[in-house]
C-alpha atoms as a PDB file:
ATOM      1  CA  MET A   1      27.164  42.703   4.262  1.00  0.00           C
ATOM      2  CA  SER A   2      25.266  45.771   5.419  1.00  0.00           C
ATOM      3  CA  ALA A   3      23.197  45.670   8.607  1.00  0.00           C
ATOM      4  CA  SER A   4      19.992  46.490   6.710  1.00  0.00           C
ATOM      5  CA  LEU A   5      20.497  43.614   4.238  1.00  0.00           C
ATOM      6  CA  TYR A   6      21.240  41.185   7.087  1.00  0.00           C
ATOM      7  CA  THR A   7      18.114  42.313   8.930  1.00  0.00           C
ATOM      8  CA  TRP A   8      15.980  41.911   5.805  1.00  0.00           C
ATOM      9  CA  ARG A   9      17.265  38.374   5.221  1.00  0.00           C
ATOM     10  CA  LYS A  10      16.662  37.516   8.840  1.00  0.00           C
ATOM     11  CA  VAL A  11      13.078  38.797   8.585  1.00  0.00           C
ATOM     12  CA  LYS A  12      12.473  36.722   5.442  1.00  0.00           C
ATOM     13  CA  ASN A  13      13.899  33.648   7.149  1.00  0.00           C
ATOM     14  CA  VAL A  14      11.604  34.113  10.161  1.00  0.00           C
ATOM     15  CA  VAL A  15       8.561  34.627   7.917  1.00  0.00           C
ATOM     16  CA  ALA A  16       9.363  31.550   5.804  1.00  0.00           C
ATOM     17  CA  LEU A  17       9.988  29.415   8.890  1.00  0.00           C
ATOM     18  CA  THR A  18       6.743  30.610  10.496  1.00  0.00           C
ATOM     19  CA  LEU A  19       4.721  29.826   7.371  1.00  0.00           C
ATOM     20  CA  SER A  20       6.322  26.384   7.096  1.00  0.00           C
ATOM     21  CA  ILE A  21       5.530  25.544  10.713  1.00  0.00           C
ATOM     22  CA  ALA A  22       1.972  26.863  10.290  1.00  0.00           C
ATOM     23  CA  ALA A  23       1.463  24.689   7.195  1.00  0.00           C
ATOM     24  CA  ALA A  24       2.798  21.631   9.015  1.00  0.00           C
ATOM     25  CA  VAL A  25       0.583  22.268  12.044  1.00  0.00           C
ATOM     26  CA  PHE A  26      -2.437  22.822   9.776  1.00  0.00           C
ATOM     27  CA  GLY A  27      -1.907  19.486   8.035  1.00  0.00           C
ATOM     28  CA  LEU A  28      -1.207  17.601  11.266  1.00  0.00           C
ATOM     29  CA  MET A  29      -4.305  19.085  12.868  1.00  0.00           C
ATOM     30  CA  TRP A  30      -6.576  17.462  10.272  1.00  0.00           C
ATOM     31  CA  LEU A  31      -4.662  14.185  10.486  1.00  0.00           C
ATOM     32  CA  VAL A  32      -4.966  14.071  14.274  1.00  0.00           C
ATOM     33  CA  TRP A  33      -8.659  14.958  14.013  1.00  0.00           C
ATOM     34  CA  ILE A  34      -9.304  12.130  11.536  1.00  0.00           C
ATOM     35  CA  LEU A  35      -7.355   9.612  13.631  1.00  0.00           C
ATOM     36  CA  TRP A  36      -9.029  10.724  16.851  1.00  0.00           C
ATOM     37  CA  THR A  37     -12.508  10.406  15.332  1.00  0.00           C
ATOM     38  CA  THR A  38     -11.707   6.986  13.877  1.00  0.00           C
ATOM     39  CA  ILE A  39     -10.199   5.704  17.117  1.00  0.00           C
ATOM     40  CA  THR A  40     -12.931   7.002  19.428  1.00  0.00           C
ATOM     41  CA  LYS A  41     -15.821   5.810  17.275  1.00  0.00           C
ATOM     42  CA  GLY A  42     -14.066   2.605  16.189  1.00  0.00           C
ATOM     43  CA  LEU A  43     -12.963   1.502  19.643  1.00  0.00           C
ATOM     44  CA  GLY A  44     -16.478   2.002  20.926  1.00  0.00           C
ATOM     45  CA  SER A  45     -17.761  -0.426  18.320  1.00  0.00           C
ATOM     46  CA  LEU A  46     -15.234  -3.199  18.940  1.00  0.00           C
ATOM     47  CA  ASN A  47     -16.502  -6.415  20.505  1.00  0.00           C
ATOM     48  CA  LEU A  48     -16.050 -10.162  20.202  1.00  0.00           C
ATOM     49  CA  ASP A  49     -18.953 -10.482  17.737  1.00  0.00           C
ATOM     50  CA  LEU A  50     -16.941  -8.411  15.282  1.00  0.00           C
ATOM     51  CA  PHE A  51     -14.522 -11.312  14.770  1.00  0.00           C
ATOM     52  CA  THR A  52     -16.930 -14.234  15.135  1.00  0.00           C
ATOM     53  CA  MET A  53     -20.113 -13.244  13.219  1.00  0.00           C
ATOM     54  CA  MET A  54     -20.926 -12.448   9.588  1.00  0.00           C
ATOM     55  CA  THR A  55     -22.116  -9.127   8.252  1.00  0.00           C
ATOM     56  CA  PRO A  56     -25.752  -8.849   9.404  1.00  0.00           C
ATOM     57  CA  PRO A  57     -29.047  -7.627   7.939  1.00  0.00           C
ATOM     58  CA  PRO A  58     -30.184  -4.156   9.103  1.00  0.00           C
ATOM     59  CA  ASN A  59     -30.722  -3.756  12.855  1.00  0.00           C
ATOM     60  CA  GLU A  60     -29.535  -7.293  13.577  1.00  0.00           C
ATOM     61  CA  PRO A  61     -26.468  -8.338  15.625  1.00  0.00           C
ATOM     62  CA  GLY A  62     -23.458  -9.278  13.570  1.00  0.00           C
ATOM     63  CA  GLY A  63     -19.801  -8.763  12.864  1.00  0.00           C
ATOM     64  CA  LEU A  64     -17.211  -8.498  10.109  1.00  0.00           C
ATOM     65  CA  LEU A  65     -15.720 -11.993  10.033  1.00  0.00           C
ATOM     66  CA  ASN A  66     -16.395 -12.629   6.343  1.00  0.00           C
ATOM     67  CA  ALA A  67     -15.224  -9.111   5.410  1.00  0.00           C
ATOM     68  CA  ILE A  68     -11.984  -9.464   7.397  1.00  0.00           C
ATOM     69  CA  PHE A  69     -11.313 -12.860   5.820  1.00  0.00           C
ATOM     70  CA  GLY A  70     -12.040 -11.519   2.339  1.00  0.00           C
ATOM     71  CA  SER A  71      -9.752  -8.511   2.777  1.00  0.00           C
ATOM     72  CA  VAL A  72      -6.907 -10.729   3.987  1.00  0.00           C
ATOM     73  CA  VAL A  73      -7.334 -13.157   1.079  1.00  0.00           C
ATOM     74  CA  ILE A  74      -7.620 -10.485  -1.635  1.00  0.00           C
ATOM     75  CA  SER A  75      -4.764  -8.345  -0.293  1.00  0.00           C
ATOM     76  CA  LEU A  76      -2.365 -11.266   0.195  1.00  0.00           C
ATOM     77  CA  LEU A  77      -3.226 -12.683  -3.218  1.00  0.00           C
ATOM     78  CA  ALA A  78      -2.523  -9.271  -4.743  1.00  0.00           C
ATOM     79  CA  ILE A  79       0.886  -9.193  -3.035  1.00  0.00           C
ATOM     80  CA  VAL A  80       1.621 -12.744  -4.202  1.00  0.00           C
ATOM     81  CA  LEU A  81       0.796 -11.731  -7.778  1.00  0.00           C
ATOM     82  CA  GLY A  82       2.585  -8.373  -7.721  1.00  0.00           C
ATOM     83  CA  THR A  83       5.739  -9.085  -5.712  1.00  0.00           C
ATOM     84  CA  PRO A  84       7.604 -11.458  -8.093  1.00  0.00           C
ATOM     85  CA  ILE A  85       6.878  -9.248 -11.097  1.00  0.00           C
ATOM     86  CA  GLY A  86       7.778  -6.093  -9.180  1.00  0.00           C
ATOM     87  CA  ILE A  87      11.066  -7.460  -7.848  1.00  0.00           C
ATOM     88  CA  ALA A  88      12.013  -8.849 -11.272  1.00  0.00           C
ATOM     89  CA  ALA A  89      11.209  -5.544 -12.992  1.00  0.00           C
ATOM     90  CA  GLY A  90      13.047  -3.506 -10.341  1.00  0.00           C
ATOM     91  CA  THR A  91      16.088  -5.778 -10.639  1.00  0.00           C
ATOM     92  CA  TYR A  92      16.103  -5.394 -14.417  1.00  0.00           C
ATOM     93  CA  LEU A  93      15.951  -1.617 -14.128  1.00  0.00           C
ATOM     94  CA  ALA A  94      18.753  -1.410 -11.570  1.00  0.00           C
ATOM     95  CA  GLU A  95      21.151  -4.004 -12.979  1.00  0.00           C
ATOM     96  CA  TYR A  96      20.512  -4.352 -16.700  1.00  0.00           C
ATOM     97  CA  ALA A  97      18.769  -1.224 -17.965  1.00  0.00           C
ATOM     98  CA  ASN A  98      20.287   1.434 -15.704  1.00  0.00           C
ATOM     99  CA  LYS A  99      21.048   4.632 -17.661  1.00  0.00           C
ATOM    100  CA  HIS A 100      19.560   3.055 -20.792  1.00  0.00           C
ATOM    101  CA  TRP A 101      16.722   4.635 -22.743  1.00  0.00           C
ATOM    102  CA  LEU A 102      14.550   1.570 -22.239  1.00  0.00           C
ATOM    103  CA  GLY A 103      15.108   1.668 -18.491  1.00  0.00           C
ATOM    104  CA  GLU A 104      14.266   5.363 -18.320  1.00  0.00           C
ATOM    105  CA  THR A 105      11.111   4.730 -20.349  1.00  0.00           C
ATOM    106  CA  ILE A 106      10.029   1.931 -18.012  1.00  0.00           C
ATOM    107  CA  ARG A 107      10.693   4.143 -14.988  1.00  0.00           C
ATOM    108  CA  PHE A 108       8.595   6.899 -16.539  1.00  0.00           C
ATOM    109  CA  VAL A 109       5.698   4.525 -17.219  1.00  0.00           C
ATOM    110  CA  ASN A 110       6.041   3.076 -13.723  1.00  0.00           C
ATOM    111  CA  ASP A 111       5.830   6.570 -12.206  1.00  0.00           C
ATOM    112  CA  ILE A 112       2.651   7.201 -14.200  1.00  0.00           C
ATOM    113  CA  LEU A 113       1.190   3.926 -12.940  1.00  0.00           C
ATOM    114  CA  LEU A 114       2.236   4.864  -9.403  1.00  0.00           C
ATOM    115  CA  SER A 115       0.203   8.064  -9.543  1.00  0.00           C
ATOM    116  CA  ALA A 116      -2.724   6.690 -11.549  1.00  0.00           C
ATOM    117  CA  PRO A 117      -6.113   6.922  -9.796  1.00  0.00           C
ATOM    118  CA  SER A 118      -7.072   3.554  -8.348  1.00  0.00           C
ATOM    119  CA  ILE A 119     -10.563   3.789  -9.803  1.00  0.00           C
ATOM    120  CA  VAL A 120      -9.053   3.884 -13.313  1.00  0.00           C
ATOM    121  CA  LEU A 121      -7.139   0.672 -12.633  1.00  0.00           C
ATOM    122  CA  GLY A 122     -10.305  -0.897 -11.248  1.00  0.00           C
ATOM    123  CA  LEU A 123     -12.225   0.078 -14.365  1.00  0.00           C
ATOM    124  CA  PHE A 124      -9.458  -1.370 -16.546  1.00  0.00           C
ATOM    125  CA  ILE A 125      -9.603  -4.749 -14.753  1.00  0.00           C
ATOM    126  CA  TYR A 126     -13.393  -4.628 -14.968  1.00  0.00           C
ATOM    127  CA  THR A 127     -13.106  -4.289 -18.746  1.00  0.00           C
ATOM    128  CA  VAL A 128     -10.497  -6.995 -19.314  1.00  0.00           C
ATOM    129  CA  MET A 129     -11.632  -9.517 -16.676  1.00  0.00           C
ATOM    130  CA  VAL A 130     -15.019  -8.934 -15.061  1.00  0.00           C
ATOM    131  CA  ALA A 131     -16.848  -8.037 -18.260  1.00  0.00           C
ATOM    132  CA  GLN A 132     -15.317 -11.038 -20.031  1.00  0.00           C
ATOM    133  CA  MET A 133     -16.235 -13.473 -17.231  1.00  0.00           C
ATOM    134  CA  GLY A 134     -19.696 -11.962 -16.797  1.00  0.00           C
ATOM    135  CA  HIS A 135     -19.481 -11.673 -13.001  1.00  0.00           C
ATOM    136  CA  TRP A 136     -17.466 -10.138 -10.180  1.00  0.00           C
ATOM    137  CA  SER A 137     -14.743 -12.195  -8.532  1.00  0.00           C
ATOM    138  CA  ALA A 138     -12.178 -12.005  -5.756  1.00  0.00           C
ATOM    139  CA  LEU A 139      -9.480 -12.885  -8.291  1.00  0.00           C
ATOM    140  CA  ALA A 140     -10.289  -9.784 -10.343  1.00  0.00           C
ATOM    141  CA  GLY A 141     -10.102  -7.714  -7.159  1.00  0.00           C
ATOM    142  CA  ALA A 142      -6.690  -9.170  -6.350  1.00  0.00           C
ATOM    143  CA  VAL A 143      -5.418  -8.413  -9.868  1.00  0.00           C
ATOM    144  CA  ALA A 144      -6.645  -4.814  -9.581  1.00  0.00           C
ATOM    145  CA  LEU A 145      -4.874  -4.379  -6.241  1.00  0.00           C
ATOM    146  CA  ALA A 146      -1.754  -6.036  -7.676  1.00  0.00           C
ATOM    147  CA  PHE A 147      -1.624  -3.300 -10.330  1.00  0.00           C
ATOM    148  CA  ILE A 148      -1.623  -0.735  -7.512  1.00  0.00           C
ATOM    149  CA  ALA A 149       1.055  -2.553  -5.506  1.00  0.00           C
ATOM    150  CA  LEU A 150       3.270  -3.293  -8.512  1.00  0.00           C
ATOM    151  CA  PRO A 151       4.759   0.198  -9.123  1.00  0.00           C
ATOM    152  CA  VAL A 152       5.528   0.604  -5.412  1.00  0.00           C
ATOM    153  CA  ILE A 153       7.502  -2.653  -5.371  1.00  0.00           C
ATOM    154  CA  VAL A 154       9.245  -1.856  -8.666  1.00  0.00           C
ATOM    155  CA  ARG A 155      10.310   1.586  -7.477  1.00  0.00           C
ATOM    156  CA  THR A 156      11.529   0.344  -4.088  1.00  0.00           C
ATOM    157  CA  THR A 157      13.473  -2.596  -5.527  1.00  0.00           C
ATOM    158  CA  ASP A 158      15.103  -0.356  -8.133  1.00  0.00           C
ATOM    159  CA  GLU A 159      16.152   2.238  -5.554  1.00  0.00           C
ATOM    160  CA  MET A 160      17.391  -0.306  -2.997  1.00  0.00           C
ATOM    161  CA  LEU A 161      19.537  -2.165  -5.537  1.00  0.00           C
ATOM    162  CA  ARG A 162      21.066   1.066  -6.804  1.00  0.00           C
ATOM    163  CA  LEU A 163      22.055   1.886  -3.224  1.00  0.00           C
ATOM    164  CA  VAL A 164      24.174  -1.280  -2.992  1.00  0.00           C
ATOM    165  CA  PRO A 165      27.857  -0.227  -3.317  1.00  0.00           C
ATOM    166  CA  GLN A 166      29.389  -0.808  -6.736  1.00  0.00           C
ATOM    167  CA  GLN A 167      32.380  -2.446  -5.048  1.00  0.00           C
ATOM    168  CA  MET A 168      30.229  -5.446  -4.119  1.00  0.00           C
ATOM    169  CA  ARG A 169      29.405  -6.047  -7.772  1.00  0.00           C
ATOM    170  CA  GLU A 170      33.028  -5.678  -8.856  1.00  0.00           C
ATOM    171  CA  ALA A 171      34.328  -7.949  -6.086  1.00  0.00           C
ATOM    172  CA  ALA A 172      31.874 -10.731  -6.913  1.00  0.00           C
ATOM    173  CA  LEU A 173      32.458 -10.488 -10.655  1.00  0.00           C
ATOM    174  CA  SER A 174      36.252 -10.469 -10.183  1.00  0.00           C
ATOM    175  CA  LEU A 175      35.954 -13.859  -8.458  1.00  0.00           C
ATOM    176  CA  GLY A 176      34.325 -15.287 -11.578  1.00  0.00           C
ATOM    177  CA  VAL A 177      30.796 -15.385 -10.185  1.00  0.00           C
ATOM    178  CA  PRO A 178      28.168 -15.297 -12.979  1.00  0.00           C
ATOM    179  CA  GLN A 179      26.088 -12.144 -13.259  1.00  0.00           C
ATOM    180  CA  TRP A 180      22.838 -13.879 -12.340  1.00  0.00           C
ATOM    181  CA  LYS A 181      24.408 -15.236  -9.139  1.00  0.00           C
ATOM    182  CA  VAL A 182      25.801 -11.822  -8.274  1.00  0.00           C
ATOM    183  CA  THR A 183      22.319 -10.373  -8.655  1.00  0.00           C
ATOM    184  CA  THR A 184      20.388 -13.043  -6.769  1.00  0.00           C
ATOM    185  CA  GLN A 185      22.872 -14.086  -4.071  1.00  0.00           C
ATOM    186  CA  VAL A 186      24.780 -10.872  -3.401  1.00  0.00           C
ATOM    187  CA  LEU A 187      22.848  -7.789  -4.457  1.00  0.00           C
ATOM    188  CA  LEU A 188      19.279  -8.893  -3.693  1.00  0.00           C
ATOM    189  CA  ARG A 189      20.410 -10.400  -0.383  1.00  0.00           C
ATOM    190  CA  SER A 190      22.040  -7.110   0.567  1.00  0.00           C
ATOM    191  CA  ALA A 191      18.980  -5.089  -0.499  1.00  0.00           C
ATOM    192  CA  LEU A 192      16.485  -7.540   1.032  1.00  0.00           C
ATOM    193  CA  PRO A 193      15.431  -5.351   4.011  1.00  0.00           C
ATOM    194  CA  GLY A 194      14.615  -2.482   1.663  1.00  0.00           C
ATOM    195  CA  VAL A 195      12.748  -4.754  -0.737  1.00  0.00           C
ATOM    196  CA  VAL A 196      10.703  -6.266   2.117  1.00  0.00           C
ATOM    197  CA  THR A 197       9.929  -2.738   3.284  1.00  0.00           C
ATOM    198  CA  GLY A 198       8.628  -1.906  -0.175  1.00  0.00           C
ATOM    199  CA  VAL A 199       6.386  -4.978  -0.155  1.00  0.00           C
ATOM    200  CA  LEU A 200       4.995  -4.027   3.266  1.00  0.00           C
ATOM    201  CA  LEU A 201       4.359  -0.456   2.114  1.00  0.00           C
ATOM    202  CA  ALA A 202       2.591  -1.804  -0.978  1.00  0.00           C
ATOM    203  CA  LEU A 203       0.428  -3.995   1.269  1.00  0.00           C
ATOM    204  CA  ALA A 204      -0.418  -0.972   3.405  1.00  0.00           C
ATOM    205  CA  ARG A 205      -1.202   0.968   0.230  1.00  0.00           C
ATOM    206  CA  ILE A 206      -3.764  -1.542  -1.067  1.00  0.00           C
ATOM    207  CA  SER A 207      -5.339  -2.645   2.221  1.00  0.00           C
ATOM    208  CA  GLY A 208      -7.804   0.249   2.303  1.00  0.00           C
ATOM    209  CA  GLU A 209      -8.556   0.634  -1.401  1.00  0.00           C
ATOM    210  CA  THR A 210     -12.261   0.693  -2.182  1.00  0.00           C
ATOM    211  CA  ALA A 211     -12.680   1.941  -5.758  1.00  0.00           C
ATOM    212  CA  PRO A 212     -10.939  -1.000  -7.512  1.00  0.00           C
ATOM    213  CA  LEU A 213     -12.940  -3.529  -5.481  1.00  0.00           C
ATOM    214  CA  LEU A 214     -16.169  -1.738  -6.366  1.00  0.00           C
ATOM    215  CA  PHE A 215     -15.625  -2.787 -10.001  1.00  0.00           C
ATOM    216  CA  THR A 216     -14.071  -6.203  -9.386  1.00  0.00           C
ATOM    217  CA  ALA A 217     -14.629  -8.183  -6.161  1.00  0.00           C
ATOM    218  CA  PHE A 218     -17.724  -6.176  -5.168  1.00  0.00           C
ATOM    219  CA  ASN A 219     -19.147  -7.675  -1.954  1.00  0.00           C
ATOM    220  CA  ASN A 220     -20.784 -10.767  -0.490  1.00  0.00           C
ATOM    221  CA  GLN A 221     -23.138 -10.899   2.475  1.00  0.00           C
ATOM    222  CA  PHE A 222     -22.085 -14.454   3.245  1.00  0.00           C
ATOM    223  CA  TRP A 223     -18.902 -16.436   3.881  1.00  0.00           C
ATOM    224  CA  SER A 224     -17.140 -17.336   0.646  1.00  0.00           C
ATOM    225  CA  THR A 225     -13.792 -18.922  -0.213  1.00  0.00           C
ATOM    226  CA  ASP A 226     -14.402 -19.106  -3.979  1.00  0.00           C
ATOM    227  CA  LEU A 227     -11.947 -16.776  -5.727  1.00  0.00           C
ATOM    228  CA  MET A 228     -14.093 -16.818  -8.861  1.00  0.00           C
ATOM    229  CA  GLN A 229     -17.114 -15.349  -7.054  1.00  0.00           C
ATOM    230  CA  PRO A 230     -17.761 -12.016  -5.286  1.00  0.00           C
ATOM    231  CA  MET A 231     -16.118 -11.874  -1.868  1.00  0.00           C
ATOM    232  CA  ALA A 232     -16.779  -9.661   1.137  1.00  0.00           C
ATOM    233  CA  ASN A 233     -14.034  -7.180   2.068  1.00  0.00           C
ATOM    234  CA  LEU A 234     -13.636  -4.441   4.644  1.00  0.00           C
ATOM    235  CA  PRO A 235     -13.393  -1.404   2.308  1.00  0.00           C
ATOM    236  CA  MET A 236     -16.662  -2.283   0.542  1.00  0.00           C
ATOM    237  CA  VAL A 237     -18.452  -3.037   3.818  1.00  0.00           C
ATOM    238  CA  ILE A 238     -17.282   0.290   5.246  1.00  0.00           C
ATOM    239  CA  TYR A 239     -18.443   2.093   2.091  1.00  0.00           C
ATOM    240  CA  GLN A 240     -21.893   0.483   2.114  1.00  0.00           C
ATOM    241  CA  TYR A 241     -22.533   0.515   5.855  1.00  0.00           C
ATOM    242  CA  ALA A 242     -21.318   4.085   6.403  1.00  0.00           C
ATOM    243  CA  MET A 243     -23.862   5.359   3.872  1.00  0.00           C
ATOM    244  CA  SER A 244     -26.759   3.398   5.346  1.00  0.00           C
ATOM    245  CA  PRO A 245     -29.430   4.911   7.643  1.00  0.00           C
ATOM    246  CA  TYR A 246     -29.060   2.087  10.190  1.00  0.00           C
ATOM    247  CA  ASP A 247     -27.123   2.760  13.395  1.00  0.00           C
ATOM    248  CA  SER A 248     -25.989  -0.854  13.698  1.00  0.00           C
ATOM    249  CA  TRP A 249     -24.406  -0.727  10.245  1.00  0.00           C
ATOM    250  CA  ASN A 250     -22.831   2.670  10.965  1.00  0.00           C
ATOM    251  CA  SER A 251     -21.256   1.184  14.083  1.00  0.00           C
ATOM    252  CA  LEU A 252     -19.795  -1.714  12.082  1.00  0.00           C
ATOM    253  CA  ALA A 253     -18.463   0.742   9.503  1.00  0.00           C
ATOM    254  CA  TRP A 254     -16.556   2.647  12.197  1.00  0.00           C
ATOM    255  CA  ALA A 255     -15.205  -0.623  13.596  1.00  0.00           C
ATOM    256  CA  GLY A 256     -14.031  -1.640  10.113  1.00  0.00           C
ATOM    257  CA  ALA A 257     -12.422   1.764   9.568  1.00  0.00           C
ATOM    258  CA  PHE A 258     -10.554   1.380  12.844  1.00  0.00           C
ATOM    259  CA  LEU A 259      -9.286  -2.079  11.851  1.00  0.00           C
ATOM    260  CA  VAL A 260      -8.031  -0.835   8.475  1.00  0.00           C
ATOM    261  CA  THR A 261      -6.350   2.194  10.081  1.00  0.00           C
ATOM    262  CA  ALA A 262      -4.695   0.001  12.710  1.00  0.00           C
ATOM    263  CA  LEU A 263      -3.448  -2.406  10.017  1.00  0.00           C
ATOM    264  CA  VAL A 264      -1.931   0.389   7.930  1.00  0.00           C
ATOM    265  CA  LEU A 265      -0.283   1.861  11.032  1.00  0.00           C
ATOM    266  CA  LEU A 266       1.198  -1.494  12.066  1.00  0.00           C
ATOM    267  CA  LEU A 267       2.527  -2.203   8.557  1.00  0.00           C
ATOM    268  CA  SER A 268       4.095   1.268   8.362  1.00  0.00           C
ATOM    269  CA  LEU A 269       5.745   0.835  11.767  1.00  0.00           C
ATOM    270  CA  LEU A 270       7.009  -2.616  10.779  1.00  0.00           C
ATOM    271  CA  ALA A 271       8.480  -1.231   7.543  1.00  0.00           C
ATOM    272  CA  ARG A 272      10.250   1.580   9.421  1.00  0.00           C
ATOM    273  CA  THR A 273      11.565  -0.885  12.011  1.00  0.00           C
ATOM    274  CA  ILE A 274      13.089  -3.075   9.294  1.00  0.00           C
ATOM    275  CA  LEU A 275      14.741  -0.064   7.662  1.00  0.00           C
ATOM    276  CA  LEU A 276      16.135   1.224  10.955  1.00  0.00           C
ATOM    277  CA  ARG A 277      17.540  -2.189  11.872  1.00  0.00           C
ATOM    278  CA  ASN A 278      19.187  -2.453   8.477  1.00  0.00           C
ATOM    279  CA  LYS A 279      20.653   1.033   8.871  1.00  0.00           C
ATOM    280  CA  VAL A 280      22.043   0.248  12.339  1.00  0.00           C
ATOM    281  CA  THR A 281      23.519  -3.041  11.078  1.00  0.00           C
ATOM    282  CA  HIS A 282      25.348  -1.323   8.217  1.00  0.00           C
ATOM    283  CA  GLU A 283      26.664   1.428  10.486  1.00  0.00           C
END
């Protein structure tokens, strides 16, 4: 290789590396800015009333107790609805429809659903549930969020099961173990940390969604445990209070944004911890 060609390749490598680092720094700069703004403004709005009082009228003391409760109920219900279907579908793709045209079709549709705008899913649930019932409901909100969580769980379960060594399947089947027992007691047990990680990531994905809830669960100024009625939730409270002209509501919006950000961060860290522990155990 001539010296001039080597020099030219070295220059191109330096330029490409510099541009890559600059792009990474540019993206991280905005992320750090957003997190810093949320933390500084959110921490300043945290107090005990936030967890003990309901959402207030304008310029009155209050908190986010009903919104926090509603978000927990709707998000957990969405995970309860989406997890069994997602794990079952992911298991089918990995163990029964792998390399089959039907499996590839389902994966393609699942990828489309994974990238579908959340507001479209919210509008779909509004059409098939809310419009038919004639009113908003927490159940409709949970179903909308379940549609968002479902493709994440399907994709993760599929990938984790396909990572299980083929020798484990062959060893279990050679002992005369039925296929359904191999799947449930050997393969799913081995892939469990990855599947749990997928569920946690799906929960983090839906915990801050606002658009689907705008069409389904909407909001409620008061405490409510009725799943068939509108229910308060943090994303909707943040959306409404952040756009208001009242300083007290703006302060609650920042506090709610901080709580959602902290929840997503904790779930992401928990998911990574589970994966790392599983990796260390296997090594």
